[in-house]
Structures are given as structure tokens and as C-alpha cells.
Protein backbone atom coordinates (compact mmCIF):
# COMPACT_ATOMS: atom_id res chain seq x y z
CA UNK A 1 10.94 -109.72 -72.74
CA UNK A 2 8.03 -111.75 -71.59
CA UNK A 3 10.24 -114.16 -69.59
CA UNK A 4 12.10 -111.32 -67.85
CA UNK A 5 8.78 -109.78 -66.86
CA UNK A 6 7.57 -113.13 -65.46
CA UNK A 7 10.80 -113.68 -63.51
CA UNK A 8 10.64 -110.19 -61.97
CA UNK A 9 6.97 -110.74 -61.10
CA UNK A 10 7.79 -114.06 -59.37
CA UNK A 11 10.79 -112.56 -57.54
CA UNK A 12 8.76 -109.55 -56.34
CA UNK A 13 5.94 -111.82 -55.12
CA UNK A 14 8.40 -114.04 -53.25
CA UNK A 15 10.05 -110.97 -51.76
CA UNK A 16 6.63 -109.60 -50.70
CA UNK A 17 5.72 -112.92 -49.02
CA UNK A 18 9.09 -113.07 -47.26
CA UNK A 19 8.82 -109.48 -45.98
CA UNK A 20 5.23 -110.07 -44.81
CA UNK A 21 6.34 -113.15 -42.91
CA UNK A 22 9.19 -111.23 -41.30
CA UNK A 23 6.83 -108.45 -40.23
CA UNK A 24 4.48 -110.91 -38.49
CA UNK A 25 7.25 -112.48 -36.36
CA UNK A 26 7.32 -109.64 -33.76
CA UNK A 27 3.55 -109.71 -33.51
CA UNK A 28 3.41 -113.44 -32.94
CA UNK A 29 6.30 -113.49 -30.50
CA UNK A 30 4.78 -110.70 -28.39
CA UNK A 31 1.61 -112.74 -27.87
CA UNK A 32 3.57 -115.61 -26.35
CA UNK A 33 4.25 -116.38 -22.73
CA UNK A 34 6.50 -113.38 -22.24
CA UNK A 35 9.25 -113.14 -19.69
CA UNK A 36 8.98 -115.53 -16.78
CA UNK A 37 10.87 -113.11 -14.54
CA UNK A 38 8.18 -110.43 -14.74
CA UNK A 39 6.11 -110.01 -11.59
CA UNK A 40 2.43 -110.83 -12.08
CA UNK A 41 -0.17 -108.20 -11.25
CA UNK A 42 -1.50 -107.87 -7.69
CA UNK A 43 -4.36 -110.07 -6.53
CA UNK A 44 -7.18 -108.56 -4.48
CA UNK A 45 -8.38 -111.46 -2.35
CA UNK A 46 -11.26 -109.43 -0.93
CA UNK A 47 -13.21 -109.24 -4.20
CA UNK A 48 -15.91 -111.77 -4.85
CA UNK A 49 -15.71 -113.86 -1.73
CA UNK A 50 -17.48 -113.89 1.57
CA UNK A 51 -15.28 -114.59 4.52
CA UNK A 52 -16.96 -115.31 7.77
CA UNK A 53 -14.95 -115.57 10.95
CA UNK A 54 -18.01 -115.60 13.14
CA UNK A 55 -17.97 -117.70 16.30
CA UNK A 56 -20.90 -120.14 16.58
CA UNK A 57 -23.62 -118.91 18.93
CA UNK A 58 -23.18 -121.70 21.48
CA UNK A 59 -19.45 -121.23 21.92
CA UNK A 60 -17.94 -118.37 23.93
CA UNK A 61 -15.39 -116.25 22.12
CA UNK A 62 -11.82 -116.99 23.18
CA UNK A 63 -9.71 -113.98 24.10
CA UNK A 64 -6.30 -114.33 22.54
CA UNK A 65 -3.38 -113.10 24.61
CA UNK A 66 -5.37 -110.79 26.86
CA UNK A 67 -5.73 -111.25 30.60
CA UNK A 68 -8.89 -110.32 32.47
CA UNK A 69 -9.02 -106.66 33.31
CA UNK A 70 -6.49 -105.69 30.64
CA UNK A 71 -7.65 -102.67 28.61
CA UNK A 72 -7.81 -103.18 24.87
CA UNK A 73 -8.27 -101.05 21.79
CA UNK A 74 -9.92 -102.16 18.58
CA UNK A 75 -7.87 -101.44 15.46
CA UNK A 76 -9.76 -101.44 12.15
CA UNK A 77 -9.33 -99.64 8.84
CA UNK A 78 -5.99 -97.88 8.39
CA UNK A 79 -5.01 -98.44 12.03
CA UNK A 80 -5.58 -102.19 11.71
CA UNK A 81 -3.78 -102.32 8.39
CA UNK A 82 -0.76 -100.46 9.76
CA UNK A 83 -0.72 -102.75 12.81
CA UNK A 84 -0.68 -105.83 10.53
CA UNK A 85 2.08 -104.28 8.41
CA UNK A 86 4.26 -103.55 11.46
CA UNK A 87 3.61 -107.03 12.83
CA UNK A 88 4.75 -108.74 9.59
CA UNK A 89 7.26 -106.31 8.02
CA UNK A 90 10.28 -108.21 9.36
CA UNK A 91 8.80 -111.71 9.05
CA UNK A 92 10.62 -114.37 7.06
CA UNK A 93 9.03 -116.26 4.19
CA UNK A 94 6.22 -115.68 1.73
CA UNK A 95 2.46 -115.77 1.92
CA UNK A 96 -0.02 -114.41 4.42
CA UNK A 97 2.22 -115.32 7.37
CA UNK A 98 5.38 -114.00 5.69
CA UNK A 99 6.73 -110.53 5.09
CA UNK A 100 4.31 -107.63 4.44
CA UNK A 101 5.10 -104.59 2.32
CA UNK A 102 3.73 -101.04 2.22
CA UNK A 103 2.94 -99.83 -1.29
CA UNK A 104 3.28 -96.26 -2.51
CA UNK A 105 -0.52 -95.96 -2.71
CA UNK A 106 -0.91 -96.62 1.02
CA UNK A 107 -1.96 -100.25 0.84
CA UNK A 108 -0.35 -103.26 2.47
CA UNK A 109 0.43 -106.46 0.59
CA UNK A 110 2.35 -109.71 0.78
CA UNK A 111 3.81 -111.91 -1.95
CA UNK A 112 2.94 -115.56 -2.51
CA UNK A 113 5.28 -118.32 -3.76
CA UNK A 114 4.72 -117.18 -7.38
CA UNK A 115 5.64 -113.60 -6.34
CA UNK A 116 2.09 -112.32 -6.94
CA UNK A 117 1.11 -109.47 -4.66
CA UNK A 118 -1.98 -110.00 -2.46
CA UNK A 119 -3.63 -106.97 -0.87
CA UNK A 120 -4.19 -107.23 2.87
CA UNK A 121 -7.49 -106.19 4.40
CA UNK A 122 -7.94 -106.00 8.17
CA UNK A 123 -10.94 -107.90 9.59
CA UNK A 124 -14.20 -105.91 9.68
CA UNK A 125 -14.62 -106.48 13.39
CA UNK A 126 -11.14 -105.07 13.98
CA UNK A 127 -8.14 -106.42 15.81
CA UNK A 128 -8.09 -106.47 19.60
CA UNK A 129 -4.77 -105.07 20.77
CA UNK A 130 -3.61 -104.16 24.31
CA UNK A 131 -4.21 -100.43 24.77
CA UNK A 132 -0.56 -99.77 25.60
CA UNK A 133 0.51 -101.29 22.27
CA UNK A 134 -2.32 -99.62 20.33
CA UNK A 135 -1.38 -96.07 21.38
CA UNK A 136 0.98 -95.64 18.43
CA UNK A 137 -1.99 -96.15 16.05
CA UNK A 138 -4.20 -93.52 17.74
CA UNK A 139 -3.82 -90.97 14.89
CA UNK A 140 -5.02 -93.42 12.21
CA UNK A 141 -8.54 -93.94 10.89
CA UNK A 142 -10.13 -96.99 12.53
CA UNK A 143 -8.59 -96.62 15.99
CA UNK A 144 -11.34 -97.70 18.42
CA UNK A 145 -14.03 -97.19 15.78
CA UNK A 146 -12.93 -93.70 14.76
CA UNK A 147 -13.91 -92.74 11.22
CA UNK A 148 -11.48 -89.82 11.18
CA UNK A 149 -7.72 -89.79 11.13
CA UNK A 150 -4.82 -90.50 8.82
CA UNK A 151 -4.66 -93.14 6.14
CA UNK A 152 -1.47 -94.92 5.05
CA UNK A 153 -0.86 -92.97 1.83
CA UNK A 154 1.70 -90.62 3.38
CA UNK A 155 3.73 -93.34 5.06
CA UNK A 156 6.73 -94.71 3.22
CA UNK A 157 9.02 -97.58 3.90
CA UNK A 158 12.47 -97.85 2.38
CA UNK A 159 12.24 -101.62 2.61
CA UNK A 160 8.98 -101.84 0.67
CA UNK A 161 9.41 -102.63 -3.02
CA UNK A 162 7.29 -100.54 -5.38
CA UNK A 163 4.17 -102.05 -6.85
């Protein structure tokens, strides 16, 4: 009887070790690299860096694409963001010069070569746009320094993939 008891004890210990090992496999495999097809989380490039696009004091500021006497509007905030989105929404390629998307939360982003989303932020000083072209952004916050107006949260785009 003693040998049967010992054999059962050994078999039950081996079975317990085997079952414990099998239960740890899902835990260990879930900590691995995961699926390579999953899209990484968005990157907010505006956090933790200081970007300065200031022109040196001794150099005059170049006016890009505007003739003398042409009226301009300054687009900042939501107006500037929507302008950038419209300018890049049909662009080819990836990265900051590629295609831009409008997210469901009213933010604009582009995807890099690794398919990571990067949030777009318009320049603080705004974007100088010919007044005739800027008229369609008049209702948005940031048009010619306006702090009132619409944001981009209510605008949807069927071509924009969800984030």
C-alpha cells in the first residue's frame, strides 16, 4: 500500500507541475512583442520640446507667396489646423508632408513610416493665407486672432481612419 501511495503522490505532483506550466504559457506569451500589424499609439510631438521658428533680428522676414498689397488673414488654432488638414488631406505619402487625417475627437494627424499617428499643431504665430482663400475658415476659432468660433470636433471626414 505504501508503494501505491508514493506512486500516486509522484503522479499528482507531476500533474500539478505540468498544469502550472500550462497555465503560465498564456501569461508569458501575452508579455511578448505582440502583433506587428497593430497600429502603435499616437505621438504628440508638441510635448516636451521647444520649437522656435523665429527669424533672426538682422534678417527681414520673407513673405511666402504673397504679393505686395495683397490682403491676408492669419489662421491659428482650429482655423489653422483645418487649413493644414485641407491642404494635406489628398497628399500622397507619409510623414509631415504626406496625407493628413481628421480624427473623431477633432484633431488632425498624419502617419509616419511606422504607421504611428503624429498630432499636428498649427504654428503659434499662425499661418498667413490670402484673405480670399481664408474666408472659408472665418467661422473657426483662431481666424485673424479670434478666440471665439467653432472647433473641429463636429467635422467628420469619411476618408479619415478612426484613431
